């Protein structure tokens, strides 16, 4: 990640709140927002606040893992570039995390898988996975 962008966890969102310097170089963002974050170090440019597992709501991780397996198979058949291969690997990692009941890791891997994973998931008809990927990508 460049020095101009720092991120906290899994998924970007816009926030409008109060920014307060609290200790040294730590910045606390609070206000009329769903999320707050503590950022260590210098932040220049855009600050990205990521979605956490709590932002997704109740998810059947066993069903999600099965759907991610279907998604991975479809992506493998459609992959045409190295970017697709990387996204495919992230979906495989998300599936593994879902089977391990680690929703935070699922979100991180699906965010890294990106828009192509969302496109393929939409095409194959796995609505729970589509919604989780949207949350991971910060799409409402």
C-alpha atoms as a PDB file:
ATOM      1  CA  UNK A   1       0.000   0.000   0.000  1.00  0.00           C
ATOM      2  CA  UNK A   2       1.419   3.402  -0.878  1.00  0.00           C
ATOM      3  CA  UNK A   3       2.268   5.992   1.737  1.00  0.00           C
ATOM      4  CA  UNK A   4      -0.688   8.031   0.518  1.00  0.00           C
ATOM      5  CA  UNK A   5      -3.240   5.380   1.505  1.00  0.00           C
ATOM      6  CA  UNK A   6      -3.567   3.458   4.735  1.00  0.00           C
ATOM      7  CA  UNK A   7      -6.333   1.036   5.494  1.00  0.00           C
ATOM      8  CA  UNK A   8      -7.514  -0.651   8.659  1.00  0.00           C
ATOM      9  CA  UNK A   9      -9.271  -3.863   7.739  1.00  0.00           C
ATOM     10  CA  UNK A  10     -11.351  -5.302   4.993  1.00  0.00           C
ATOM     11  CA  UNK A  11     -13.519  -2.932   3.034  1.00  0.00           C
ATOM     12  CA  UNK A  12     -13.619   0.726   2.090  1.00  0.00           C
ATOM     13  CA  UNK A  13     -16.479   3.074   2.852  1.00  0.00           C
ATOM     14  CA  UNK A  14     -16.990   6.814   2.923  1.00  0.00           C
ATOM     15  CA  UNK A  15     -17.280   8.349   6.355  1.00  0.00           C
ATOM     16  CA  UNK A  16     -18.284  11.770   7.537  1.00  0.00           C
ATOM     17  CA  UNK A  17     -17.265  12.412  11.083  1.00  0.00           C
ATOM     18  CA  UNK A  18     -15.044  14.342  13.427  1.00  0.00           C
ATOM     19  CA  UNK A  19     -11.312  13.806  13.214  1.00  0.00           C
ATOM     20  CA  UNK A  20      -9.515  14.297  16.518  1.00  0.00           C
ATOM     21  CA  UNK A  21      -5.812  14.002  17.292  1.00  0.00           C
ATOM     22  CA  UNK A  22      -5.604  11.992  20.482  1.00  0.00           C
ATOM     23  CA  UNK A  23      -2.074  10.710  21.179  1.00  0.00           C
ATOM     24  CA  UNK A  24       1.065  11.422  19.222  1.00  0.00           C
ATOM     25  CA  UNK A  25       0.330  10.516  15.632  1.00  0.00           C
ATOM     26  CA  UNK A  26      -2.857   8.536  16.377  1.00  0.00           C
ATOM     27  CA  UNK A  27      -6.066   9.881  14.882  1.00  0.00           C
ATOM     28  CA  UNK A  28      -9.506   8.941  16.115  1.00  0.00           C
ATOM     29  CA  UNK A  29     -12.414   9.319  13.715  1.00  0.00           C
ATOM     30  CA  UNK A  30     -15.823   9.563  15.357  1.00  0.00           C
ATOM     31  CA  UNK A  31     -19.157  11.199  14.720  1.00  0.00           C
ATOM     32  CA  UNK A  32     -22.227  10.320  12.752  1.00  0.00           C
ATOM     33  CA  UNK A  33     -20.760   7.131  11.310  1.00  0.00           C
ATOM     34  CA  UNK A  34     -21.305   3.395  11.572  1.00  0.00           C
ATOM     35  CA  UNK A  35     -17.605   2.784  12.067  1.00  0.00           C
ATOM     36  CA  UNK A  36     -14.698   4.297  13.950  1.00  0.00           C
ATOM     37  CA  UNK A  37     -11.005   3.626  13.593  1.00  0.00           C
ATOM     38  CA  UNK A  38      -7.722   4.288  15.281  1.00  0.00           C
ATOM     39  CA  UNK A  39      -4.984   4.962  12.738  1.00  0.00           C
ATOM     40  CA  UNK A  40      -1.339   4.746  13.792  1.00  0.00           C
ATOM     41  CA  UNK A  41       1.307   6.738  11.935  1.00  0.00           C
ATOM     42  CA  UNK A  42       1.044   9.494   9.402  1.00  0.00           C
ATOM     43  CA  UNK A  43      -1.879   9.455   7.021  1.00  0.00           C
ATOM     44  CA  UNK A  44      -1.709  11.540   3.881  1.00  0.00           C
ATOM     45  CA  UNK A  45      -4.455  11.623   1.300  1.00  0.00           C
ATOM     46  CA  UNK A  46      -7.392   9.238   1.493  1.00  0.00           C
ATOM     47  CA  UNK A  47      -8.106   7.267   4.639  1.00  0.00           C
ATOM     48  CA  UNK A  48      -9.904   4.011   3.975  1.00  0.00           C
ATOM     49  CA  UNK A  49     -12.029   2.467   6.715  1.00  0.00           C
ATOM     50  CA  UNK A  50     -12.700  -1.193   6.094  1.00  0.00           C
ATOM     51  CA  UNK A  51     -15.785  -3.334   6.694  1.00  0.00           C
ATOM     52  CA  UNK A  52     -15.553  -5.730   9.572  1.00  0.00           C
ATOM     53  CA  UNK A  53     -17.268  -9.048  10.110  1.00  0.00           C
ATOM     54  CA  UNK A  54     -19.921  -7.235  12.170  1.00  0.00           C
ATOM     55  CA  UNK A  55     -20.917  -5.200   9.106  1.00  0.00           C
ATOM     56  CA  UNK A  56     -21.980  -8.311   7.185  1.00  0.00           C
ATOM     57  CA  UNK A  57     -24.584  -9.672   9.583  1.00  0.00           C
ATOM     58  CA  UNK A  58     -25.428 -13.334  10.040  1.00  0.00           C
ATOM     59  CA  UNK A  59     -23.891 -15.521   7.357  1.00  0.00           C
ATOM     60  CA  UNK A  60     -24.137 -19.302   7.058  1.00  0.00           C
ATOM     61  CA  UNK A  61     -20.429 -19.940   6.583  1.00  0.00           C
ATOM     62  CA  UNK A  62     -20.978 -23.564   5.537  1.00  0.00           C
ATOM     63  CA  UNK A  63     -23.323 -22.454   2.741  1.00  0.00           C
ATOM     64  CA  UNK A  64     -20.950 -19.620   1.845  1.00  0.00           C
ATOM     65  CA  UNK A  65     -18.049 -22.093   1.587  1.00  0.00           C
ATOM     66  CA  UNK A  66     -20.102 -24.324  -0.736  1.00  0.00           C
ATOM     67  CA  UNK A  67     -21.056 -21.304  -2.862  1.00  0.00           C
ATOM     68  CA  UNK A  68     -17.438 -20.149  -2.967  1.00  0.00           C
ATOM     69  CA  UNK A  69     -16.471 -23.611  -4.213  1.00  0.00           C
ATOM     70  CA  UNK A  70     -18.982 -23.194  -7.069  1.00  0.00           C
ATOM     71  CA  UNK A  71     -17.632 -19.703  -7.717  1.00  0.00           C
ATOM     72  CA  UNK A  72     -14.051 -20.968  -7.779  1.00  0.00           C
ATOM     73  CA  UNK A  73     -14.971 -23.636 -10.338  1.00  0.00           C
ATOM     74  CA  UNK A  74     -16.717 -21.088 -12.563  1.00  0.00           C
ATOM     75  CA  UNK A  75     -13.819 -18.642 -12.264  1.00  0.00           C
ATOM     76  CA  UNK A  76     -11.311 -21.379 -13.129  1.00  0.00           C
ATOM     77  CA  UNK A  77     -13.219 -22.078 -16.346  1.00  0.00           C
ATOM     78  CA  UNK A  78     -13.466 -18.383 -17.262  1.00  0.00           C
ATOM     79  CA  UNK A  79      -9.977 -17.190 -16.235  1.00  0.00           C
ATOM     80  CA  UNK A  80      -8.104 -15.512 -19.086  1.00  0.00           C
ATOM     81  CA  UNK A  81      -5.393 -13.440 -17.417  1.00  0.00           C
ATOM     82  CA  UNK A  82      -2.962 -13.412 -14.554  1.00  0.00           C
ATOM     83  CA  UNK A  83      -5.296 -10.997 -12.708  1.00  0.00           C
ATOM     84  CA  UNK A  84      -8.042 -13.610 -13.004  1.00  0.00           C
ATOM     85  CA  UNK A  85      -5.686 -16.257 -11.624  1.00  0.00           C
ATOM     86  CA  UNK A  86      -4.884 -14.050  -8.642  1.00  0.00           C
ATOM     87  CA  UNK A  87      -8.604 -13.437  -8.001  1.00  0.00           C
ATOM     88  CA  UNK A  88      -9.202 -17.195  -8.270  1.00  0.00           C
ATOM     89  CA  UNK A  89      -6.577 -17.820  -5.594  1.00  0.00           C
ATOM     90  CA  UNK A  90      -8.210 -15.245  -3.314  1.00  0.00           C
ATOM     91  CA  UNK A  91     -11.582 -16.977  -3.701  1.00  0.00           C
ATOM     92  CA  UNK A  92      -9.904 -20.296  -2.824  1.00  0.00           C
ATOM     93  CA  UNK A  93      -8.491 -18.662   0.313  1.00  0.00           C
ATOM     94  CA  UNK A  94     -11.928 -17.186   1.130  1.00  0.00           C
ATOM     95  CA  UNK A  95     -13.468 -20.651   0.805  1.00  0.00           C
ATOM     96  CA  UNK A  96     -10.842 -22.088   3.146  1.00  0.00           C
ATOM     97  CA  UNK A  97     -11.494 -19.258   5.638  1.00  0.00           C
ATOM     98  CA  UNK A  98     -15.253 -19.860   5.466  1.00  0.00           C
ATOM     99  CA  UNK A  99     -14.727 -23.541   6.277  1.00  0.00           C
ATOM    100  CA  UNK A 100     -12.554 -22.436   9.233  1.00  0.00           C
ATOM    101  CA  UNK A 101     -15.386 -20.096  10.367  1.00  0.00           C
ATOM    102  CA  UNK A 102     -13.181 -17.002   9.967  1.00  0.00           C
ATOM    103  CA  UNK A 103     -15.481 -14.335   8.516  1.00  0.00           C
ATOM    104  CA  UNK A 104     -12.884 -11.562   8.818  1.00  0.00           C
ATOM    105  CA  UNK A 105     -10.468 -13.532   6.633  1.00  0.00           C
ATOM    106  CA  UNK A 106     -13.295 -14.335   4.189  1.00  0.00           C
ATOM    107  CA  UNK A 107     -13.964 -10.618   3.774  1.00  0.00           C
ATOM    108  CA  UNK A 108     -10.286  -9.796   3.325  1.00  0.00           C
ATOM    109  CA  UNK A 109      -9.848 -12.426   0.606  1.00  0.00           C
ATOM    110  CA  UNK A 110     -13.063 -11.491  -1.191  1.00  0.00           C
ATOM    111  CA  UNK A 111     -12.040  -7.843  -1.177  1.00  0.00           C
ATOM    112  CA  UNK A 112      -8.741  -8.867  -2.752  1.00  0.00           C
ATOM    113  CA  UNK A 113     -10.601 -11.038  -5.305  1.00  0.00           C
ATOM    114  CA  UNK A 114     -12.311  -7.891  -6.556  1.00  0.00           C
ATOM    115  CA  UNK A 115     -14.982  -7.023  -9.054  1.00  0.00           C
ATOM    116  CA  UNK A 116     -14.400  -9.971 -11.364  1.00  0.00           C
ATOM    117  CA  UNK A 117     -15.340 -12.380  -8.558  1.00  0.00           C
ATOM    118  CA  UNK A 118     -18.519 -10.358  -8.040  1.00  0.00           C
ATOM    119  CA  UNK A 119     -19.329 -10.478 -11.761  1.00  0.00           C
ATOM    120  CA  UNK A 120     -18.881 -14.251 -11.943  1.00  0.00           C
ATOM    121  CA  UNK A 121     -20.823 -14.828  -8.702  1.00  0.00           C
ATOM    122  CA  UNK A 122     -23.700 -12.766 -10.084  1.00  0.00           C
ATOM    123  CA  UNK A 123     -23.683 -14.738 -13.343  1.00  0.00           C
ATOM    124  CA  UNK A 124     -23.755 -18.161 -11.658  1.00  0.00           C
ATOM    125  CA  UNK A 125     -26.487 -17.184  -9.212  1.00  0.00           C
ATOM    126  CA  UNK A 126     -25.078 -17.392  -5.692  1.00  0.00           C
ATOM    127  CA  UNK A 127     -26.924 -14.502  -4.018  1.00  0.00           C
ATOM    128  CA  UNK A 128     -25.471 -14.906  -0.510  1.00  0.00           C
ATOM    129  CA  UNK A 129     -21.957 -14.852  -1.929  1.00  0.00           C
ATOM    130  CA  UNK A 130     -22.833 -11.847  -4.088  1.00  0.00           C
ATOM    131  CA  UNK A 131     -23.983  -9.928  -1.014  1.00  0.00           C
ATOM    132  CA  UNK A 132     -20.895 -10.875   1.002  1.00  0.00           C
ATOM    133  CA  UNK A 133     -18.604  -9.815  -1.864  1.00  0.00           C
ATOM    134  CA  UNK A 134     -20.501  -6.525  -2.162  1.00  0.00           C
ATOM    135  CA  UNK A 135     -19.997  -5.899   1.551  1.00  0.00           C
ATOM    136  CA  UNK A 136     -16.308  -6.787   1.206  1.00  0.00           C
ATOM    137  CA  UNK A 137     -15.951  -4.332  -1.691  1.00  0.00           C
ATOM    138  CA  UNK A 138     -17.959  -1.585  -0.011  1.00  0.00           C
ATOM    139  CA  UNK A 139     -20.819  -1.774  -2.510  1.00  0.00           C
ATOM    140  CA  UNK A 140     -24.283  -1.223  -1.097  1.00  0.00           C
END
